[in-house]
């Protein structure tokens, strides 16, 4: 049995991203090069084999929402876009990302989502303090659930 979910982000970010933050966000979305030192998500823990064959904790920085092409389980295409807002609603950024995610990645991706929630435009904020970033859908389900970050935690399914 597979435990994959569709993760869809559709949000606007305030106009306060530094050049470095915007560049690192592009990397996480698969749209740009890796930063020299990640600052949004700072730890990417992995377990590797040490010189004596023993498991050793390591760090493996990698983009978290960089899937592209045909989806494996959820159908459709995996995509990400980050655009500077211009025109009728100038300022800020428009972000859309559709990815497949396994529950094993919830914690690490959750760190990025909490950062995004802190940068989200006010209209994504609910009266209860939650920030709606998009939605999740179990790959076999036909209905999606809101993806909400509240008090520094993601409300995963």
Protein backbone atom coordinates (compact mmCIF):
# COMPACT_ATOMS: atom_id res chain seq x y z
CA UNK A 1 0.00 0.00 0.00
CA UNK A 2 1.24 3.47 -0.83
CA UNK A 3 0.74 6.44 1.46
CA UNK A 4 1.20 9.24 -1.02
CA UNK A 5 -0.59 12.56 -0.84
CA UNK A 6 -1.10 15.36 -3.29
CA UNK A 7 0.26 18.56 -1.75
CA UNK A 8 -0.95 21.71 -3.49
CA UNK A 9 0.22 25.14 -2.38
CA UNK A 10 -1.52 28.24 -3.72
CA UNK A 11 -0.61 31.38 -1.83
CA UNK A 12 0.69 34.89 -2.03
CA UNK A 13 3.72 35.98 -0.06
CA UNK A 14 4.25 39.46 1.32
CA UNK A 15 6.74 41.75 -0.36
CA UNK A 16 9.42 41.26 2.28
CA UNK A 17 11.50 38.40 0.92
CA UNK A 18 15.18 39.20 0.71
CA UNK A 19 17.02 38.31 -2.48
CA UNK A 20 18.62 35.38 -0.65
CA UNK A 21 15.27 34.09 0.62
CA UNK A 22 13.69 34.35 -2.84
CA UNK A 23 16.68 32.53 -4.35
CA UNK A 24 16.53 29.75 -1.76
CA UNK A 25 12.77 29.40 -2.22
CA UNK A 26 13.35 29.04 -5.97
CA UNK A 27 15.82 26.23 -5.20
CA UNK A 28 13.25 24.44 -3.01
CA UNK A 29 10.78 24.70 -5.91
CA UNK A 30 13.30 23.31 -8.41
CA UNK A 31 13.61 26.68 -10.14
CA UNK A 32 17.15 27.75 -9.26
CA UNK A 33 20.58 26.75 -7.94
CA UNK A 34 21.29 25.63 -4.39
CA UNK A 35 22.25 28.27 -1.84
CA UNK A 36 25.73 28.09 -0.38
CA UNK A 37 24.23 27.72 3.09
CA UNK A 38 20.49 27.05 3.44
CA UNK A 39 18.76 29.51 5.75
CA UNK A 40 15.05 28.70 5.44
CA UNK A 41 15.30 25.01 6.32
CA UNK A 42 18.66 24.56 7.99
CA UNK A 43 18.82 20.84 8.82
CA UNK A 44 18.33 17.96 6.38
CA UNK A 45 19.02 14.92 8.57
CA UNK A 46 19.92 11.61 7.01
CA UNK A 47 21.44 8.41 8.28
CA UNK A 48 24.56 7.31 6.41
CA UNK A 49 27.03 4.49 6.81
CA UNK A 50 30.15 5.50 8.70
CA UNK A 51 33.70 4.23 8.02
CA UNK A 52 33.16 1.27 10.35
CA UNK A 53 29.81 0.35 8.81
CA UNK A 54 27.93 1.91 11.71
CA UNK A 55 25.02 4.29 11.07
CA UNK A 56 26.06 7.93 11.41
CA UNK A 57 23.86 11.01 11.39
CA UNK A 58 24.51 13.25 8.40
CA UNK A 59 23.11 16.31 6.69
CA UNK A 60 22.00 16.25 3.05
CA UNK A 61 20.52 19.60 1.91
CA UNK A 62 18.06 19.05 -0.92
CA UNK A 63 15.14 20.93 -2.47
CA UNK A 64 11.84 19.96 -0.90
CA UNK A 65 9.22 20.87 -3.52
CA UNK A 66 11.11 20.30 -6.76
CA UNK A 67 9.06 17.52 -8.34
CA UNK A 68 8.36 17.97 -12.03
CA UNK A 69 6.87 15.97 -14.86
CA UNK A 70 4.21 13.30 -14.57
CA UNK A 71 3.01 12.43 -11.07
CA UNK A 72 3.55 8.83 -9.97
CA UNK A 73 0.42 8.29 -7.85
CA UNK A 74 -1.80 11.39 -7.73
CA UNK A 75 -2.27 11.86 -11.47
CA UNK A 76 -1.55 14.95 -13.51
CA UNK A 77 1.70 16.87 -13.48
CA UNK A 78 3.99 18.00 -10.68
CA UNK A 79 4.83 21.68 -11.05
CA UNK A 80 6.07 24.72 -9.15
CA UNK A 81 6.05 28.43 -9.96
CA UNK A 82 7.11 31.57 -8.11
CA UNK A 83 6.21 34.89 -9.74
CA UNK A 84 6.66 38.49 -8.71
CA UNK A 85 3.25 40.18 -8.44
CA UNK A 86 2.65 43.05 -10.86
CA UNK A 87 -0.38 44.77 -12.35
CA UNK A 88 -3.64 45.04 -10.40
CA UNK A 89 -2.12 43.72 -7.14
CA UNK A 90 1.52 44.77 -7.29
CA UNK A 91 4.08 43.76 -4.72
CA UNK A 92 4.73 40.41 -3.18
CA UNK A 93 5.00 37.00 -4.72
CA UNK A 94 2.58 34.41 -6.11
CA UNK A 95 3.52 30.80 -5.34
CA UNK A 96 1.97 27.61 -6.68
CA UNK A 97 3.33 24.11 -6.22
CA UNK A 98 1.74 20.72 -6.80
CA UNK A 99 3.75 17.80 -5.48
CA UNK A 100 3.48 14.21 -4.31
CA UNK A 101 4.50 13.73 -0.71
CA UNK A 102 4.93 10.71 1.54
CA UNK A 103 4.30 11.02 5.29
CA UNK A 104 8.01 10.31 5.88
CA UNK A 105 8.69 13.79 4.45
CA UNK A 106 6.05 15.64 6.49
CA UNK A 107 8.46 16.91 9.16
CA UNK A 108 11.08 18.28 6.79
CA UNK A 109 8.58 19.79 4.34
CA UNK A 110 6.68 21.08 7.37
CA UNK A 111 9.66 23.27 8.28
CA UNK A 112 9.43 24.96 4.88
CA UNK A 113 5.64 25.28 5.14
CA UNK A 114 5.90 26.96 8.55
CA UNK A 115 8.35 29.47 7.07
CA UNK A 116 5.95 30.11 4.17
CA UNK A 117 3.06 30.62 6.60
CA UNK A 118 5.05 33.33 8.39
CA UNK A 119 5.57 35.11 5.04
CA UNK A 120 2.01 34.59 3.71
CA UNK A 121 -0.18 37.55 2.80
CA UNK A 122 -2.75 38.50 5.42
CA UNK A 123 -5.71 37.17 3.42
CA UNK A 124 -4.46 33.61 4.04
CA UNK A 125 -4.83 34.09 7.80
CA UNK A 126 -7.96 32.83 9.53
CA UNK A 127 -9.58 34.25 12.66
CA UNK A 128 -8.32 31.29 14.69
CA UNK A 129 -4.70 32.14 13.81
CA UNK A 130 -4.30 29.41 11.21
CA UNK A 131 -2.73 30.17 7.84
CA UNK A 132 -4.21 28.35 4.84
CA UNK A 133 -1.48 27.47 2.34
CA UNK A 134 -3.40 25.15 0.02
CA UNK A 135 -4.64 21.60 0.46
CA UNK A 136 -3.72 17.93 0.68
CA UNK A 137 -5.44 14.91 -0.82
CA UNK A 138 -4.77 11.23 -0.21
CA UNK A 139 -3.94 9.78 -3.61
CA UNK A 140 -6.98 7.47 -3.65
CA UNK A 141 -9.43 10.14 -2.46
CA UNK A 142 -11.52 12.46 -4.59
CA UNK A 143 -11.73 15.19 -1.94
CA UNK A 144 -9.04 17.53 -0.66
CA UNK A 145 -8.53 18.91 2.84
CA UNK A 146 -7.25 22.42 3.63
CA UNK A 147 -3.56 22.62 4.51
CA UNK A 148 -3.33 24.85 7.57
CA UNK A 149 -0.33 25.97 9.62
CA UNK A 150 -1.20 27.05 13.16
CA UNK A 151 1.10 27.90 16.06
CA UNK A 152 4.18 26.76 14.13
CA UNK A 153 2.78 23.34 13.24
CA UNK A 154 1.35 21.93 10.02
CA UNK A 155 -2.04 20.22 10.25
CA UNK A 156 -1.04 17.16 8.24
CA UNK A 157 -3.68 14.54 7.42
